[in-house]
Amino acid sequence: MSKPMMTAVQSVVGEPLRLHEIGKPSPGPSQVLIRVHAAGVNRPDLIQRAGLYPPPPGAPSTLGLEVAGEIEAVGDSVTRWKAGDRVCALVPGGGYAEYAIAHEGSCMPLPAPLTYVEAAGLPETVLTVWNNVFHMAQLKPNETLLIHGGASGIGTTAIQLATNWGAKVYATAGTDEKCRLCETLGAKRGINYRTEDFETVLREAGGVDVVLDMVGKPYFEKNLSILNDLGRLTYIAFLQGSRIEGDFTRLMLKRISVSGSTLRIRTDAHKAMLAEGVVKNVWPWIAAGKFRPQVSGVFPLAEAEAAHAQMGAADHAGKIILQVVA
């Protein structure tokens, strides 16, 4: 008897993304099989297709780190989910497909009133922000947070979450239009890094307590300059360089903590812990209309190449989504 097949996006280094047929997966004991309605596009997907970010052992080679859809089947030991449940989920790979496998702890109920398309942009983004800003950097209400890349999927999410948390938020972005978007979402001020020096602006504003950075090398010294005593600098990427040279004096005198993380290689237990915190704290904000993911563009699964082109051009604001089920 032939194995059931499904459509997925094929990624070959140096070639355009295209659809192909692969075997439909089956859930393991603690896994669920999701019929994917929509999948989020993330920058790590672009890095993986370039051959620079291999999936962890046991993960599908297919691109895609977050999905929203309907559970079709569950593994033998799964008790919290059943067939028919509507969920969004963090997946270690395989999201650009008609079906995807997720660990039961990485699934979250589809939050009303969001659509599948909106919810597909939540798991990777919200869990990354929750992990770095709230779990690791321990942002407190009334503290000040600076978000670099404020108009990105991560940035637009972090602005809304931190504002709802009771923090004062600043954000950098590359155009005046993106800066205004950041302010609309709750930032006290959007700073155009092409025309303004964020270090000068924020030193005059009294400094910040936490910095969420995805830029890397060029901003390291400036970040240390604006951080207050006991400040926290947390990295989720280094788009402009991972190697730095600096003077540790300021870091030591201010007692600054520097951290960084990637989410994909964390244990299932860690991801489940983050998901639990997000459902407890963030889902009520969605229900109350205080947080909504920003969707920049929606592409059919067959147009994944165009979606990646938009991501690579960096002229979008918010999340880019692949729609699998119309």
C-alpha atoms as a PDB file:
ATOM      1  CA  MET A   1       0.000   0.000   0.000  1.00  0.00           C
ATOM      2  CA  SER A   2       1.465   3.347  -1.024  1.00  0.00           C
ATOM      3  CA  LYS A   3       2.203   5.985   1.582  1.00  0.00           C
ATOM      4  CA  PRO A   4      -0.110   9.042   1.665  1.00  0.00           C
ATOM      5  CA  MET A   5       1.466  12.067   0.017  1.00  0.00           C
ATOM      6  CA  MET A   6       1.199  15.816   0.514  1.00  0.00           C
ATOM      7  CA  THR A   7       2.347  19.019  -1.168  1.00  0.00           C
ATOM      8  CA  ALA A   8       5.258  20.908   0.365  1.00  0.00           C
ATOM      9  CA  VAL A   9       7.750  23.573  -0.649  1.00  0.00           C
ATOM     10  CA  GLN A  10      11.063  22.176  -1.865  1.00  0.00           C
ATOM     11  CA  SER A  11      14.202  24.081  -0.924  1.00  0.00           C
ATOM     12  CA  VAL A  12      17.437  23.440  -2.816  1.00  0.00           C
ATOM     13  CA  VAL A  13      20.428  25.722  -2.267  1.00  0.00           C
ATOM     14  CA  GLY A  14      20.778  28.129  -5.171  1.00  0.00           C
ATOM     15  CA  GLU A  15      17.414  27.263  -6.755  1.00  0.00           C
ATOM     16  CA  PRO A  16      13.980  28.926  -6.529  1.00  0.00           C
ATOM     17  CA  LEU A  17      11.475  27.503  -4.095  1.00  0.00           C
ATOM     18  CA  ARG A  18       8.913  25.240  -5.757  1.00  0.00           C
ATOM     19  CA  LEU A  19       6.192  22.795  -4.804  1.00  0.00           C
ATOM     20  CA  HIS A  20       6.750  19.046  -4.784  1.00  0.00           C
ATOM     21  CA  GLU A  21       5.152  15.915  -3.371  1.00  0.00           C
ATOM     22  CA  ILE A  22       6.536  14.227  -0.257  1.00  0.00           C
ATOM     23  CA  GLY A  23       5.234  11.639   2.174  1.00  0.00           C
ATOM     24  CA  LYS A  24       2.610  12.766   4.647  1.00  0.00           C
ATOM     25  CA  PRO A  25       4.041  12.487   8.186  1.00  0.00           C
ATOM     26  CA  SER A  26       2.542  10.563  11.085  1.00  0.00           C
ATOM     27  CA  PRO A  27       2.630  11.781  14.696  1.00  0.00           C
ATOM     28  CA  GLY A  28       4.849  10.116  17.274  1.00  0.00           C
ATOM     29  CA  PRO A  29       3.641   9.342  20.817  1.00  0.00           C
ATOM     30  CA  SER A  30       3.817  12.953  22.105  1.00  0.00           C
ATOM     31  CA  GLN A  31       3.156  14.667  18.779  1.00  0.00           C
ATOM     32  CA  VAL A  32       0.176  15.956  16.826  1.00  0.00           C
ATOM     33  CA  LEU A  33      -0.438  16.098  13.081  1.00  0.00           C
ATOM     34  CA  ILE A  34      -1.725  19.499  11.965  1.00  0.00           C
ATOM     35  CA  ARG A  35      -3.552  20.189   8.718  1.00  0.00           C
ATOM     36  CA  VAL A  36      -1.855  23.468   7.942  1.00  0.00           C
ATOM     37  CA  HIS A  37      -4.032  26.405   6.961  1.00  0.00           C
ATOM     38  CA  ALA A  38      -1.239  29.003   7.072  1.00  0.00           C
ATOM     39  CA  ALA A  39       2.470  29.180   7.867  1.00  0.00           C
ATOM     40  CA  GLY A  40       4.661  32.060   8.997  1.00  0.00           C
ATOM     41  CA  VAL A  41       7.755  33.135   7.086  1.00  0.00           C
ATOM     42  CA  ASN A  42      10.819  33.954   9.193  1.00  0.00           C
ATOM     43  CA  ARG A  43      14.335  35.123   8.443  1.00  0.00           C
ATOM     44  CA  PRO A  44      15.838  31.818   9.644  1.00  0.00           C
ATOM     45  CA  ASP A  45      13.972  30.221   6.706  1.00  0.00           C
ATOM     46  CA  LEU A  46      16.055  32.335   4.316  1.00  0.00           C
ATOM     47  CA  ILE A  47      19.238  31.379   6.137  1.00  0.00           C
ATOM     48  CA  GLN A  48      18.321  27.682   6.032  1.00  0.00           C
ATOM     49  CA  ARG A  49      17.606  27.694   2.286  1.00  0.00           C
ATOM     50  CA  ALA A  50      21.057  29.257   1.776  1.00  0.00           C
ATOM     51  CA  GLY A  51      22.564  26.187   3.463  1.00  0.00           C
ATOM     52  CA  LEU A  52      23.706  28.087   6.572  1.00  0.00           C
ATOM     53  CA  TYR A  53      21.143  26.946   9.154  1.00  0.00           C
ATOM     54  CA  PRO A  54      20.647  23.180   9.061  1.00  0.00           C
ATOM     55  CA  PRO A  55      17.621  21.786  10.909  1.00  0.00           C
ATOM     56  CA  PRO A  56      18.318  20.076  14.239  1.00  0.00           C
ATOM     57  CA  PRO A  57      18.532  16.266  14.349  1.00  0.00           C
ATOM     58  CA  GLY A  58      15.183  14.627  13.728  1.00  0.00           C
ATOM     59  CA  ALA A  59      13.544  17.769  12.326  1.00  0.00           C
ATOM     60  CA  PRO A  60      12.069  17.853   8.806  1.00  0.00           C
ATOM     61  CA  SER A  61      14.299  19.354   6.125  1.00  0.00           C
ATOM     62  CA  THR A  62      11.309  21.315   4.792  1.00  0.00           C
ATOM     63  CA  LEU A  63      11.231  25.011   5.673  1.00  0.00           C
ATOM     64  CA  GLY A  64       8.784  26.565   8.120  1.00  0.00           C
ATOM     65  CA  LEU A  65       8.914  27.156  11.886  1.00  0.00           C
ATOM     66  CA  GLU A  66       5.335  28.130  12.740  1.00  0.00           C
ATOM     67  CA  VAL A  67       1.882  27.103  11.561  1.00  0.00           C
ATOM     68  CA  ALA A  68      -1.803  27.490  12.272  1.00  0.00           C
ATOM     69  CA  GLY A  69      -4.381  24.861  11.430  1.00  0.00           C
ATOM     70  CA  GLU A  70      -6.531  22.015  12.628  1.00  0.00           C
ATOM     71  CA  ILE A  71      -5.299  18.902  14.402  1.00  0.00           C
ATOM     72  CA  GLU A  72      -6.005  15.829  12.293  1.00  0.00           C
ATOM     73  CA  ALA A  73      -4.426  13.117  14.468  1.00  0.00           C
ATOM     74  CA  VAL A  74      -2.647  12.785  17.806  1.00  0.00           C
ATOM     75  CA  GLY A  75      -0.003  10.434  19.159  1.00  0.00           C
ATOM     76  CA  ASP A  76      -0.748   7.665  21.631  1.00  0.00           C
ATOM     77  CA  SER A  77       0.375   9.613  24.733  1.00  0.00           C
ATOM     78  CA  VAL A  78      -1.222  12.956  23.860  1.00  0.00           C
ATOM     79  CA  THR A  79      -3.973  13.935  26.281  1.00  0.00           C
ATOM     80  CA  ARG A  80      -4.323  17.715  25.979  1.00  0.00           C
ATOM     81  CA  TRP A  81      -5.369  17.781  22.292  1.00  0.00           C
ATOM     82  CA  LYS A  82      -7.796  15.895  20.075  1.00  0.00           C
ATOM     83  CA  ALA A  83      -8.633  15.748  16.384  1.00  0.00           C
ATOM     84  CA  GLY A  84     -10.508  18.851  15.296  1.00  0.00           C
ATOM     85  CA  ASP A  85      -8.826  21.254  17.738  1.00  0.00           C
ATOM     86  CA  ARG A  86      -7.808  24.559  16.162  1.00  0.00           C
ATOM     87  CA  VAL A  87      -4.251  25.473  17.097  1.00  0.00           C
ATOM     88  CA  CYS A  88      -1.174  27.447  16.226  1.00  0.00           C
ATOM     89  CA  ALA A  89       2.153  25.764  16.865  1.00  0.00           C
ATOM     90  CA  LEU A  90       5.895  26.143  16.911  1.00  0.00           C
ATOM     91  CA  VAL A  91       7.478  23.444  14.757  1.00  0.00           C
ATOM     92  CA  PRO A  92      11.174  22.529  14.299  1.00  0.00           C
ATOM     93  CA  GLY A  93      10.665  22.526  10.522  1.00  0.00           C
ATOM     94  CA  GLY A  94       8.181  21.403   7.930  1.00  0.00           C
ATOM     95  CA  GLY A  95       5.714  24.266   8.159  1.00  0.00           C
ATOM     96  CA  TYR A  96       5.654  25.029   4.424  1.00  0.00           C
ATOM     97  CA  ALA A  97       3.412  22.073   3.684  1.00  0.00           C
ATOM     98  CA  GLU A  98      -0.143  20.799   3.769  1.00  0.00           C
ATOM     99  CA  TYR A  99       0.568  18.912   7.000  1.00  0.00           C
ATOM    100  CA  ALA A 100       3.079  19.443   9.801  1.00  0.00           C
ATOM    101  CA  ILE A 101       4.133  17.652  12.968  1.00  0.00           C
ATOM    102  CA  ALA A 102       4.329  19.515  16.284  1.00  0.00           C
ATOM    103  CA  HIS A 103       5.124  18.433  19.823  1.00  0.00           C
ATOM    104  CA  GLU A 104       1.995  18.662  21.959  1.00  0.00           C
ATOM    105  CA  GLY A 105       3.646  21.188  24.295  1.00  0.00           C
ATOM    106  CA  SER A 106       4.474  23.533  21.427  1.00  0.00           C
ATOM    107  CA  CYS A 107       0.810  23.847  20.424  1.00  0.00           C
ATOM    108  CA  MET A 108      -1.411  26.671  21.626  1.00  0.00           C
ATOM    109  CA  PRO A 109      -5.151  27.091  21.121  1.00  0.00           C
ATOM    110  CA  LEU A 110      -6.039  29.343  18.208  1.00  0.00           C
ATOM    111  CA  PRO A 111      -6.772  32.616  19.998  1.00  0.00           C
ATOM    112  CA  ALA A 112     -10.106  34.243  19.252  1.00  0.00           C
ATOM    113  CA  PRO A 113     -10.762  36.428  17.342  1.00  0.00           C
ATOM    114  CA  LEU A 114      -7.727  35.778  15.118  1.00  0.00           C
ATOM    115  CA  THR A 115      -7.858  34.087  11.723  1.00  0.00           C
ATOM    116  CA  TYR A 116      -5.577  31.215  10.783  1.00  0.00           C
ATOM    117  CA  VAL A 117      -3.504  33.656   8.719  1.00  0.00           C
ATOM    118  CA  GLU A 118      -2.983  35.993  11.672  1.00  0.00           C
ATOM    119  CA  ALA A 119      -2.345  33.185  14.132  1.00  0.00           C
ATOM    120  CA  ALA A 120       0.279  31.596  11.857  1.00  0.00           C
ATOM    121  CA  GLY A 121       2.532  34.567  12.596  1.00  0.00           C
ATOM    122  CA  LEU A 122       2.366  34.112  16.364  1.00  0.00           C
ATOM    123  CA  PRO A 123       4.322  31.068  17.611  1.00  0.00           C
ATOM    124  CA  GLU A 124       7.912  31.750  16.534  1.00  0.00           C
ATOM    125  CA  THR A 125       7.549  35.473  17.099  1.00  0.00           C
ATOM    126  CA  VAL A 126       5.677  35.573  20.396  1.00  0.00           C
ATOM    127  CA  LEU A 127       7.688  32.757  21.974  1.00  0.00           C
ATOM    128  CA  THR A 128      10.953  34.438  20.923  1.00  0.00           C
ATOM    129  CA  VAL A 129       9.888  37.727  22.498  1.00  0.00           C
ATOM    130  CA  TRP A 130       8.551  36.013  25.605  1.00  0.00           C
ATOM    131  CA  ASN A 131      11.766  34.016  26.002  1.00  0.00           C
ATOM    132  CA  ASN A 132      14.179  36.910  25.529  1.00  0.00           C
ATOM    133  CA  VAL A 133      12.403  39.971  26.877  1.00  0.00           C
ATOM    134  CA  PHE A 134      10.329  38.497  29.702  1.00  0.00           C
ATOM    135  CA  HIS A 135      11.910  35.160  30.661  1.00  0.00           C
ATOM    136  CA  MET A 136      15.614  35.975  30.230  1.00  0.00           C
ATOM    137  CA  ALA A 137      15.846  39.782  30.468  1.00  0.00           C
ATOM    138  CA  GLN A 138      13.076  39.902  33.103  1.00  0.00           C
ATOM    139  CA  LEU A 139      11.495  43.144  31.853  1.00  0.00           C
ATOM    140  CA  LYS A 140       9.471  44.716  34.655  1.00  0.00           C
ATOM    141  CA  PRO A 141       6.497  47.074  34.493  1.00  0.00           C
ATOM    142  CA  ASN A 142       7.612  50.725  34.480  1.00  0.00           C
ATOM    143  CA  GLU A 143      11.022  49.827  33.010  1.00  0.00           C
ATOM    144  CA  THR A 144      12.149  51.117  29.623  1.00  0.00           C
ATOM    145  CA  LEU A 145      12.744  48.807  26.642  1.00  0.00           C
ATOM    146  CA  LEU A 146      14.491  49.617  23.352  1.00  0.00           C
ATOM    147  CA  ILE A 147      13.602  47.377  20.419  1.00  0.00           C
ATOM    148  CA  HIS A 148      15.822  47.410  17.349  1.00  0.00           C
ATOM    149  CA  GLY A 149      13.966  46.496  14.159  1.00  0.00           C
ATOM    150  CA  GLY A 150      10.717  47.785  15.582  1.00  0.00           C
ATOM    151  CA  ALA A 151       8.713  47.298  12.378  1.00  0.00           C
ATOM    152  CA  SER A 152       9.698  43.641  11.943  1.00  0.00           C
ATOM    153  CA  GLY A 153       7.501  40.756  12.991  1.00  0.00           C
ATOM    154  CA  ILE A 154       9.499  40.459  16.214  1.00  0.00           C
ATOM    155  CA  GLY A 155       9.503  44.216  16.719  1.00  0.00           C
ATOM    156  CA  THR A 156       5.788  44.823  16.218  1.00  0.00           C
ATOM    157  CA  THR A 157       5.084  41.949  18.591  1.00  0.00           C
ATOM    158  CA  ALA A 158       7.549  43.098  21.242  1.00  0.00           C
ATOM    159  CA  ILE A 159       6.181  46.654  21.211  1.00  0.00           C
ATOM    160  CA  GLN A 160       2.654  45.476  21.904  1.00  0.00           C
ATOM    161  CA  LEU A 161       3.592  42.886  24.520  1.00  0.00           C
ATOM    162  CA  ALA A 162       5.897  45.220  26.445  1.00  0.00           C
ATOM    163  CA  THR A 163       3.380  48.067  26.346  1.00  0.00           C
ATOM    164  CA  ASN A 164       0.666  45.800  27.722  1.00  0.00           C
ATOM    165  CA  TRP A 165       3.149  44.673  30.375  1.00  0.00           C
ATOM    166  CA  GLY A 166       3.380  48.295  31.546  1.00  0.00           C
ATOM    167  CA  ALA A 167       6.826  49.142  30.170  1.00  0.00           C
ATOM    168  CA  LYS A 168       7.862  52.276  28.303  1.00  0.00           C
ATOM    169  CA  VAL A 169       8.988  51.339  24.790  1.00  0.00           C
ATOM    170  CA  TYR A 170      11.267  52.934  22.199  1.00  0.00           C
ATOM    171  CA  ALA A 171      11.944  51.375  18.791  1.00  0.00           C
ATOM    172  CA  THR A 172      14.300  51.918  15.879  1.00  0.00           C
ATOM    173  CA  ALA A 173      13.194  51.525  12.268  1.00  0.00           C
ATOM    174  CA  GLY A 174      14.466  52.462   8.812  1.00  0.00           C
ATOM    175  CA  THR A 175      11.771  54.860   7.574  1.00  0.00           C
ATOM    176  CA  ASP A 176       9.573  57.556   9.060  1.00  0.00           C
ATOM    177  CA  GLU A 177       6.528  55.514   8.045  1.00  0.00           C
ATOM    178  CA  LYS A 178       7.769  52.499  10.008  1.00  0.00           C
ATOM    179  CA  CYS A 179       8.532  54.732  12.979  1.00  0.00           C
ATOM    180  CA  ARG A 180       4.958  56.003  12.959  1.00  0.00           C
ATOM    181  CA  LEU A 181       3.718  52.396  12.856  1.00  0.00           C
ATOM    182  CA  CYS A 182       5.798  51.624  15.952  1.00  0.00           C
ATOM    183  CA  GLU A 183       4.207  54.581  17.721  1.00  0.00           C
ATOM    184  CA  THR A 184       0.731  53.487  16.664  1.00  0.00           C
ATOM    185  CA  LEU A 185       1.406  50.109  18.291  1.00  0.00           C
ATOM    186  CA  GLY A 186       2.437  51.708  21.577  1.00  0.00           C
ATOM    187  CA  ALA A 187       6.045  52.898  21.306  1.00  0.00           C
ATOM    188  CA  LYS A 188       6.682  56.237  23.018  1.00  0.00           C
ATOM    189  CA  ARG A 189       8.870  57.129  20.056  1.00  0.00           C
ATOM    190  CA  GLY A 190      10.059  55.523  16.855  1.00  0.00           C
ATOM    191  CA  ILE A 191      13.626  56.489  15.967  1.00  0.00           C
ATOM    192  CA  ASN A 192      14.661  56.534  12.292  1.00  0.00           C
ATOM    193  CA  TYR A 193      18.152  55.059  12.437  1.00  0.00           C
ATOM    194  CA  ARG A 194      18.954  56.456   8.981  1.00  0.00           C
ATOM    195  CA  THR A 195      18.415  60.070  10.032  1.00  0.00           C
ATOM    196  CA  GLU A 196      18.803  60.020  13.838  1.00  0.00           C
ATOM    197  CA  ASP A 197      21.327  58.682  16.335  1.00  0.00           C
ATOM    198  CA  PHE A 198      19.400  56.463  18.725  1.00  0.00           C
ATOM    199  CA  GLU A 199      22.229  56.697  21.263  1.00  0.00           C
ATOM    200  CA  THR A 200      21.859  60.481  21.500  1.00  0.00           C
ATOM    201  CA  VAL A 201      18.066  60.329  21.628  1.00  0.00           C
ATOM    202  CA  LEU A 202      17.951  57.748  24.402  1.00  0.00           C
ATOM    203  CA  ARG A 203      20.737  59.194  26.522  1.00  0.00           C
ATOM    204  CA  GLU A 204      18.787  62.458  26.528  1.00  0.00           C
ATOM    205  CA  ALA A 205      15.645  60.476  27.443  1.00  0.00           C
ATOM    206  CA  GLY A 206      17.331  58.980  30.508  1.00  0.00           C
ATOM    207  CA  GLY A 207      18.540  55.656  29.167  1.00  0.00           C
ATOM    208  CA  VAL A 208      16.864  52.259  28.986  1.00  0.00           C
ATOM    209  CA  ASP A 209      16.741  49.141  31.136  1.00  0.00           C
ATOM    210  CA  VAL A 210      16.501  46.441  28.448  1.00  0.00           C
ATOM    211  CA  VAL A 211      17.602  46.314  24.796  1.00  0.00           C
ATOM    212  CA  LEU A 212      16.290  43.700  22.340  1.00  0.00           C
ATOM    213  CA  ASP A 213      18.814  43.589  19.492  1.00  0.00           C
ATOM    214  CA  MET A 214      18.873  41.737  16.189  1.00  0.00           C
ATOM    215  CA  VAL A 215      21.510  43.940  14.495  1.00  0.00           C
ATOM    216  CA  GLY A 216      24.679  42.900  16.278  1.00  0.00           C
ATOM    217  CA  LYS A 217      28.148  44.382  15.870  1.00  0.00           C
ATOM    218  CA  PRO A 218      27.447  48.042  14.915  1.00  0.00           C
ATOM    219  CA  TYR A 219      25.135  48.624  17.883  1.00  0.00           C
ATOM    220  CA  PHE A 220      27.031  46.918  20.696  1.00  0.00           C
ATOM    221  CA  GLU A 221      28.853  49.941  22.146  1.00  0.00           C
ATOM    222  CA  LYS A 222      25.844  52.201  21.645  1.00  0.00           C
ATOM    223  CA  ASN A 223      23.652  49.720  23.481  1.00  0.00           C
ATOM    224  CA  LEU A 224      26.051  49.678  26.437  1.00  0.00           C
ATOM    225  CA  SER A 225      26.091  53.472  26.406  1.00  0.00           C
ATOM    226  CA  ILE A 226      22.327  53.850  26.804  1.00  0.00           C
ATOM    227  CA  LEU A 227      21.727  50.994  29.238  1.00  0.00           C
ATOM    228  CA  ASN A 228      21.119  52.012  32.840  1.00  0.00           C
ATOM    229  CA  ASP A 229      22.668  50.382  35.882  1.00  0.00           C
ATOM    230  CA  LEU A 230      21.727  46.674  35.988  1.00  0.00           C
ATOM    231  CA  GLY A 231      20.604  46.907  32.351  1.00  0.00           C
ATOM    232  CA  ARG A 232      20.047  43.834  30.214  1.00  0.00           C
ATOM    233  CA  LEU A 233      21.091  43.419  26.579  1.00  0.00           C
ATOM    234  CA  THR A 234      19.525  40.434  24.836  1.00  0.00           C
ATOM    235  CA  TYR A 235      20.296  39.197  21.309  1.00  0.00           C
ATOM    236  CA  ILE A 236      18.067  37.208  18.969  1.00  0.00           C
ATOM    237  CA  ALA A 237      20.129  37.737  15.789  1.00  0.00           C
ATOM    238  CA  PHE A 238      23.181  39.539  14.422  1.00  0.00           C
ATOM    239  CA  LEU A 239      22.197  40.659  10.937  1.00  0.00           C
ATOM    240  CA  GLN A 240      25.170  43.015  10.639  1.00  0.00           C
ATOM    241  CA  GLY A 241      27.893  40.991  12.306  1.00  0.00           C
ATOM    242  CA  SER A 242      28.456  38.581  15.187  1.00  0.00           C
ATOM    243  CA  ARG A 243      32.043  39.511  16.157  1.00  0.00           C
ATOM    244  CA  ILE A 244      32.754  42.555  18.305  1.00  0.00           C
ATOM    245  CA  GLU A 245      35.619  44.356  20.013  1.00  0.00           C
ATOM    246  CA  GLY A 246      34.756  46.448  23.030  1.00  0.00           C
ATOM    247  CA  ASP A 247      35.768  47.814  26.393  1.00  0.00           C
ATOM    248  CA  PHE A 248      34.316  45.775  29.245  1.00  0.00           C
ATOM    249  CA  THR A 249      34.733  48.672  31.685  1.00  0.00           C
ATOM    250  CA  ARG A 250      31.293  50.145  31.015  1.00  0.00           C
ATOM    251  CA  LEU A 251      29.671  46.725  31.123  1.00  0.00           C
ATOM    252  CA  MET A 252      31.229  46.046  34.539  1.00  0.00           C
ATOM    253  CA  LEU A 253      30.636  49.491  36.066  1.00  0.00           C
ATOM    254  CA  LYS A 254      26.967  49.392  35.090  1.00  0.00           C
ATOM    255  CA  ARG A 255      26.621  45.690  36.005  1.00  0.00           C
ATOM    256  CA  ILE A 256      25.085  44.984  32.594  1.00  0.00           C
ATOM    257  CA  SER A 257      23.960  41.463  31.701  1.00  0.00           C
ATOM    258  CA  VAL A 258      24.293  40.245  28.109  1.00  0.00           C
ATOM    259  CA  SER A 259      22.308  37.240  26.896  1.00  0.00           C
ATOM    260  CA  GLY A 260      21.244  35.652  23.659  1.00  0.00           C
ATOM    261  CA  SER A 261      19.328  32.649  22.481  1.00  0.00           C
ATOM    262  CA  THR A 262      17.913  30.686  19.613  1.00  0.00           C
ATOM    263  CA  LEU A 263      14.571  28.968  19.992  1.00  0.00           C
ATOM    264  CA  ARG A 264      14.713  26.130  17.483  1.00  0.00           C
ATOM    265  CA  ILE A 265      17.221  23.940  19.352  1.00  0.00           C
ATOM    266  CA  ARG A 266      15.655  24.338  22.798  1.00  0.00           C
ATOM    267  CA  THR A 267      14.129  21.261  24.413  1.00  0.00           C
ATOM    268  CA  ASP A 268      10.471  20.376  24.018  1.00  0.00           C
ATOM    269  CA  ALA A 269      10.069  21.013  27.756  1.00  0.00           C
ATOM    270  CA  HIS A 270      11.488  24.545  27.462  1.00  0.00           C
ATOM    271  CA  LYS A 271       9.256  25.370  24.509  1.00  0.00           C
ATOM    272  CA  ALA A 272       6.251  24.005  26.389  1.00  0.00           C
ATOM    273  CA  MET A 273       7.115  26.221  29.368  1.00  0.00           C
ATOM    274  CA  LEU A 274       7.253  29.277  27.110  1.00  0.00           C
ATOM    275  CA  ALA A 275       3.998  28.346  25.383  1.00  0.00           C
ATOM    276  CA  GLU A 276       2.286  27.997  28.750  1.00  0.00           C
ATOM    277  CA  GLY A 277       3.451  31.474  29.762  1.00  0.00           C
ATOM    278  CA  VAL A 278       2.288  32.962  26.479  1.00  0.00           C
ATOM    279  CA  VAL A 279      -1.190  31.417  26.685  1.00  0.00           C
ATOM    280  CA  LYS A 280      -1.535  32.595  30.284  1.00  0.00           C
ATOM    281  CA  ASN A 281      -0.329  36.162  29.722  1.00  0.00           C
ATOM    282  CA  VAL A 282      -0.616  37.080  26.050  1.00  0.00           C
ATOM    283  CA  TRP A 283      -3.797  35.302  24.922  1.00  0.00           C
ATOM    284  CA  PRO A 284      -5.972  37.450  27.259  1.00  0.00           C
ATOM    285  CA  TRP A 285      -4.525  40.579  25.615  1.00  0.00           C
ATOM    286  CA  ILE A 286      -5.555  39.205  22.223  1.00  0.00           C
ATOM    287  CA  ALA A 287      -9.049  38.430  23.495  1.00  0.00           C
ATOM    288  CA  ALA A 288      -9.324  41.967  24.899  1.00  0.00           C
ATOM    289  CA  GLY A 289      -8.185  43.560  21.628  1.00  0.00           C
ATOM    290  CA  LYS A 290      -4.948  44.860  23.173  1.00  0.00           C
ATOM    291  CA  PHE A 291      -2.609  42.874  20.912  1.00  0.00           C
ATOM    292  CA  ARG A 292      -2.969  41.794  17.310  1.00  0.00           C
ATOM    293  CA  PRO A 293      -0.204  40.473  15.039  1.00  0.00           C
ATOM    294  CA  GLN A 294       0.638  42.766  12.145  1.00  0.00           C
ATOM    295  CA  VAL A 295       0.431  40.985   8.777  1.00  0.00           C
ATOM    296  CA  SER A 296       2.462  42.608   6.013  1.00  0.00           C
ATOM    297  CA  GLY A 297       1.701  40.240   3.155  1.00  0.00           C
ATOM    298  CA  VAL A 298      -0.063  36.962   2.403  1.00  0.00           C
ATOM    299  CA  PHE A 299       1.126  34.633  -0.367  1.00  0.00           C
ATOM    300  CA  PRO A 300      -0.220  31.281  -1.595  1.00  0.00           C
ATOM    301  CA  LEU A 301       2.027  28.343  -0.747  1.00  0.00           C
ATOM    302  CA  ALA A 302       2.975  28.092  -4.444  1.00  0.00           C
ATOM    303  CA  GLU A 303       4.400  31.634  -4.233  1.00  0.00           C
ATOM    304  CA  ALA A 304       6.833  30.982  -1.406  1.00  0.00           C
ATOM    305  CA  GLU A 305       9.650  32.332  -3.576  1.00  0.00           C
ATOM    306  CA  ALA A 306       7.901  35.709  -3.809  1.00  0.00           C
ATOM    307  CA  ALA A 307       7.321  35.690  -0.059  1.00  0.00           C
ATOM    308  CA  HIS A 308      11.038  35.140   0.515  1.00  0.00           C
ATOM    309  CA  ALA A 309      11.878  37.934  -1.909  1.00  0.00           C
ATOM    310  CA  GLN A 310       9.755  40.318   0.128  1.00  0.00           C
ATOM    311  CA  MET A 311      11.400  39.153   3.336  1.00  0.00           C
ATOM    312  CA  GLY A 312      14.861  39.558   1.816  1.00  0.00           C
ATOM    313  CA  ALA A 313      14.101  43.075   0.586  1.00  0.00           C
ATOM    314  CA  ALA A 314      13.368  44.126   4.199  1.00  0.00           C
ATOM    315  CA  ASP A 315      10.758  46.634   3.056  1.00  0.00           C
ATOM    316  CA  HIS A 316       7.854  45.001   4.890  1.00  0.00           C
ATOM    317  CA  ALA A 317       6.336  45.798   8.280  1.00  0.00           C
ATOM    318  CA  GLY A 318       5.051  42.907  10.391  1.00  0.00           C
ATOM    319  CA  LYS A 319       4.728  39.266   9.394  1.00  0.00           C
ATOM    320  CA  ILE A 320       4.735  37.575   6.001  1.00  0.00           C
ATOM    321  CA  ILE A 321       2.396  34.576   5.785  1.00  0.00           C
ATOM    322  CA  LEU A 322       1.953  31.639   3.416  1.00  0.00           C
ATOM    323  CA  GLN A 323      -1.683  30.619   2.994  1.00  0.00           C
ATOM    324  CA  VAL A 324      -2.067  26.893   2.444  1.00  0.00           C
ATOM    325  CA  VAL A 325      -5.850  26.590   2.657  1.00  0.00           C
ATOM    326  CA  ALA A 326      -7.807  29.444   1.032  1.00  0.00           C
END
